[in-house]
Amino acid sequence: MEIEDYKVIRLDNPMDFNQAGVLTSHVEKLINEGHKNIALDAADVVEIGSMGIGAIISVSQMIRSQHGMLKIIGVRNQLHNAFRVGKVDTAFELHFLNY
């Protein structure tokens, strides 16, 4: 999937401790390459832990510090609920998966 002016990173399920480190490293690499706008494709994510949410918050801050934008696309109800419970659902630009 491509979005104009955005580099897309596909997230794996479950979005846990291991995947959190992978995501952070990938975003750091893209930022170092000069990419500012990043979209996280969350279509496959049905489970997310606190480390996964923390990693998304962290990469969001990294991207914003470079005056970039973060979108989370393909959001399923389970992921949206986890964001709501963590009270971070309004912190991100979310694009929901169409069924």
C-alpha atoms as a PDB file:
ATOM      1  CA  MET A   1       0.000   0.000   0.000  1.00  0.00           C
ATOM      2  CA  GLU A   2       1.236   3.480  -0.824  1.00  0.00           C
ATOM      3  CA  ILE A   3       0.112   6.869   0.377  1.00  0.00           C
ATOM      4  CA  GLU A   4       1.407   9.932  -1.407  1.00  0.00           C
ATOM      5  CA  ASP A   5       4.255  11.620   0.506  1.00  0.00           C
ATOM      6  CA  TYR A   6       4.201   8.920   3.230  1.00  0.00           C
ATOM      7  CA  LYS A   7       6.437   5.928   3.858  1.00  0.00           C
ATOM      8  CA  VAL A   8       4.253   3.015   4.958  1.00  0.00           C
ATOM      9  CA  ILE A   9       5.318   0.536   7.634  1.00  0.00           C
ATOM     10  CA  ARG A  10       3.187  -2.579   8.015  1.00  0.00           C
ATOM     11  CA  LEU A  11       2.741  -3.562  11.670  1.00  0.00           C
ATOM     12  CA  ASP A  12       2.733  -7.220  12.681  1.00  0.00           C
ATOM     13  CA  ASN A  13       0.382  -8.933  15.099  1.00  0.00           C
ATOM     14  CA  PRO A  14       0.727  -9.057  18.018  1.00  0.00           C
ATOM     15  CA  MET A  15       2.138  -5.573  18.510  1.00  0.00           C
ATOM     16  CA  ASP A  16       4.143  -6.467  21.590  1.00  0.00           C
ATOM     17  CA  PHE A  17       7.577  -5.949  23.163  1.00  0.00           C
ATOM     18  CA  ASN A  18       9.441  -7.551  20.247  1.00  0.00           C
ATOM     19  CA  GLN A  19       7.562  -5.646  17.563  1.00  0.00           C
ATOM     20  CA  ALA A  20       7.909  -2.384  19.507  1.00  0.00           C
ATOM     21  CA  GLY A  21      11.686  -2.510  19.103  1.00  0.00           C
ATOM     22  CA  VAL A  22      11.397  -3.353  15.409  1.00  0.00           C
ATOM     23  CA  LEU A  23       9.035  -0.420  14.855  1.00  0.00           C
ATOM     24  CA  THR A  24      11.248   2.069  16.687  1.00  0.00           C
ATOM     25  CA  SER A  25      14.336   0.988  14.739  1.00  0.00           C
ATOM     26  CA  HIS A  26      12.501   1.143  11.417  1.00  0.00           C
ATOM     27  CA  VAL A  27      11.166   4.654  12.074  1.00  0.00           C
ATOM     28  CA  GLU A  28      14.595   5.880  13.233  1.00  0.00           C
ATOM     29  CA  LYS A  29      16.097   4.557   9.982  1.00  0.00           C
ATOM     30  CA  LEU A  30      13.458   6.286   7.850  1.00  0.00           C
ATOM     31  CA  ILE A  31      13.917   9.581   9.700  1.00  0.00           C
ATOM     32  CA  ASN A  32      17.695   9.339   9.233  1.00  0.00           C
ATOM     33  CA  GLU A  33      17.074   8.818   5.508  1.00  0.00           C
ATOM     34  CA  GLY A  34      15.128  12.086   5.451  1.00  0.00           C
ATOM     35  CA  HIS A  35      11.551  10.798   5.503  1.00  0.00           C
ATOM     36  CA  LYS A  36       9.250  12.920   7.648  1.00  0.00           C
ATOM     37  CA  ASN A  37       5.782  11.521   6.989  1.00  0.00           C
ATOM     38  CA  ILE A  38       5.126   7.947   8.049  1.00  0.00           C
ATOM     39  CA  ALA A  39       1.985   5.815   7.985  1.00  0.00           C
ATOM     40  CA  LEU A  40       1.630   2.725  10.121  1.00  0.00           C
ATOM     41  CA  ASP A  41      -0.501   0.058   8.441  1.00  0.00           C
ATOM     42  CA  ALA A  42      -2.274  -1.636  11.338  1.00  0.00           C
ATOM     43  CA  ALA A  43      -4.646  -3.813   9.291  1.00  0.00           C
ATOM     44  CA  ASP A  44      -3.123  -7.033  10.709  1.00  0.00           C
ATOM     45  CA  VAL A  45      -3.039  -5.866  14.338  1.00  0.00           C
ATOM     46  CA  VAL A  46      -5.717  -7.369  16.582  1.00  0.00           C
ATOM     47  CA  GLU A  47      -3.570  -7.559  19.727  1.00  0.00           C
ATOM     48  CA  ILE A  48      -1.525  -4.727  21.159  1.00  0.00           C
ATOM     49  CA  GLY A  49       0.195  -4.517  24.520  1.00  0.00           C
ATOM     50  CA  SER A  50       1.347  -1.539  26.517  1.00  0.00           C
ATOM     51  CA  MET A  51       4.798  -1.806  24.926  1.00  0.00           C
ATOM     52  CA  GLY A  52       3.221  -1.587  21.479  1.00  0.00           C
ATOM     53  CA  ILE A  53       1.192   1.486  22.425  1.00  0.00           C
ATOM     54  CA  GLY A  54       4.280   2.996  24.048  1.00  0.00           C
ATOM     55  CA  ALA A  55       6.311   2.420  20.877  1.00  0.00           C
ATOM     56  CA  ILE A  56       3.669   4.139  18.751  1.00  0.00           C
ATOM     57  CA  ILE A  57       3.651   7.108  21.139  1.00  0.00           C
ATOM     58  CA  SER A  58       7.456   7.208  21.026  1.00  0.00           C
ATOM     59  CA  VAL A  59       7.690   7.112  17.229  1.00  0.00           C
ATOM     60  CA  SER A  60       4.956   9.727  17.015  1.00  0.00           C
ATOM     61  CA  GLN A  61       7.083  12.043  19.149  1.00  0.00           C
ATOM     62  CA  MET A  62      10.181  11.286  17.043  1.00  0.00           C
ATOM     63  CA  ILE A  63       8.295  12.081  13.847  1.00  0.00           C
ATOM     64  CA  ARG A  64       6.780  15.282  15.237  1.00  0.00           C
ATOM     65  CA  SER A  65      10.191  16.456  16.442  1.00  0.00           C
ATOM     66  CA  GLN A  66      11.243  16.383  12.767  1.00  0.00           C
ATOM     67  CA  HIS A  67       8.096  18.330  11.785  1.00  0.00           C
ATOM     68  CA  GLY A  68       6.620  15.224  10.213  1.00  0.00           C
ATOM     69  CA  MET A  69       3.226  13.575  10.338  1.00  0.00           C
ATOM     70  CA  LEU A  70       2.104  10.139  11.528  1.00  0.00           C
ATOM     71  CA  LYS A  71      -1.010   8.352  10.288  1.00  0.00           C
ATOM     72  CA  ILE A  72      -2.261   5.006  11.517  1.00  0.00           C
ATOM     73  CA  ILE A  73      -4.219   3.301   8.769  1.00  0.00           C
ATOM     74  CA  GLY A  74      -6.279   0.116   8.662  1.00  0.00           C
ATOM     75  CA  VAL A  75      -7.307   0.437  12.319  1.00  0.00           C
ATOM     76  CA  ARG A  76      -9.566  -2.377  13.522  1.00  0.00           C
ATOM     77  CA  ASN A  77     -12.038  -2.087  16.400  1.00  0.00           C
ATOM     78  CA  GLN A  78      -9.756  -4.040  18.762  1.00  0.00           C
ATOM     79  CA  LEU A  79      -6.886  -1.612  18.213  1.00  0.00           C
ATOM     80  CA  HIS A  80      -9.141   1.417  18.508  1.00  0.00           C
ATOM     81  CA  ASN A  81     -10.504   0.053  21.799  1.00  0.00           C
ATOM     82  CA  ALA A  82      -6.961  -0.420  23.126  1.00  0.00           C
ATOM     83  CA  PHE A  83      -6.146   3.183  22.196  1.00  0.00           C
ATOM     84  CA  ARG A  84      -9.339   4.373  23.929  1.00  0.00           C
ATOM     85  CA  VAL A  85      -8.559   2.417  27.100  1.00  0.00           C
ATOM     86  CA  GLY A  86      -5.050   3.891  27.081  1.00  0.00           C
ATOM     87  CA  LYS A  87      -6.599   7.333  26.484  1.00  0.00           C
ATOM     88  CA  VAL A  88      -4.426   7.940  23.421  1.00  0.00           C
ATOM     89  CA  ASP A  89      -7.094   7.519  20.727  1.00  0.00           C
ATOM     90  CA  THR A  90      -7.169  11.268  20.080  1.00  0.00           C
ATOM     91  CA  ALA A  91      -3.365  11.566  19.965  1.00  0.00           C
ATOM     92  CA  PHE A  92      -3.111   9.955  16.533  1.00  0.00           C
ATOM     93  CA  GLU A  93      -4.636  10.432  13.102  1.00  0.00           C
ATOM     94  CA  LEU A  94      -6.558   7.173  12.791  1.00  0.00           C
ATOM     95  CA  HIS A  95      -7.979   5.750   9.570  1.00  0.00           C
ATOM     96  CA  PHE A  96     -10.287   2.821  10.141  1.00  0.00           C
ATOM     97  CA  LEU A  97     -10.353  -0.439   8.203  1.00  0.00           C
ATOM     98  CA  ASN A  98     -13.407  -0.634   5.974  1.00  0.00           C
ATOM     99  CA  TYR A  99     -15.185  -3.959   6.140  1.00  0.00           C
END
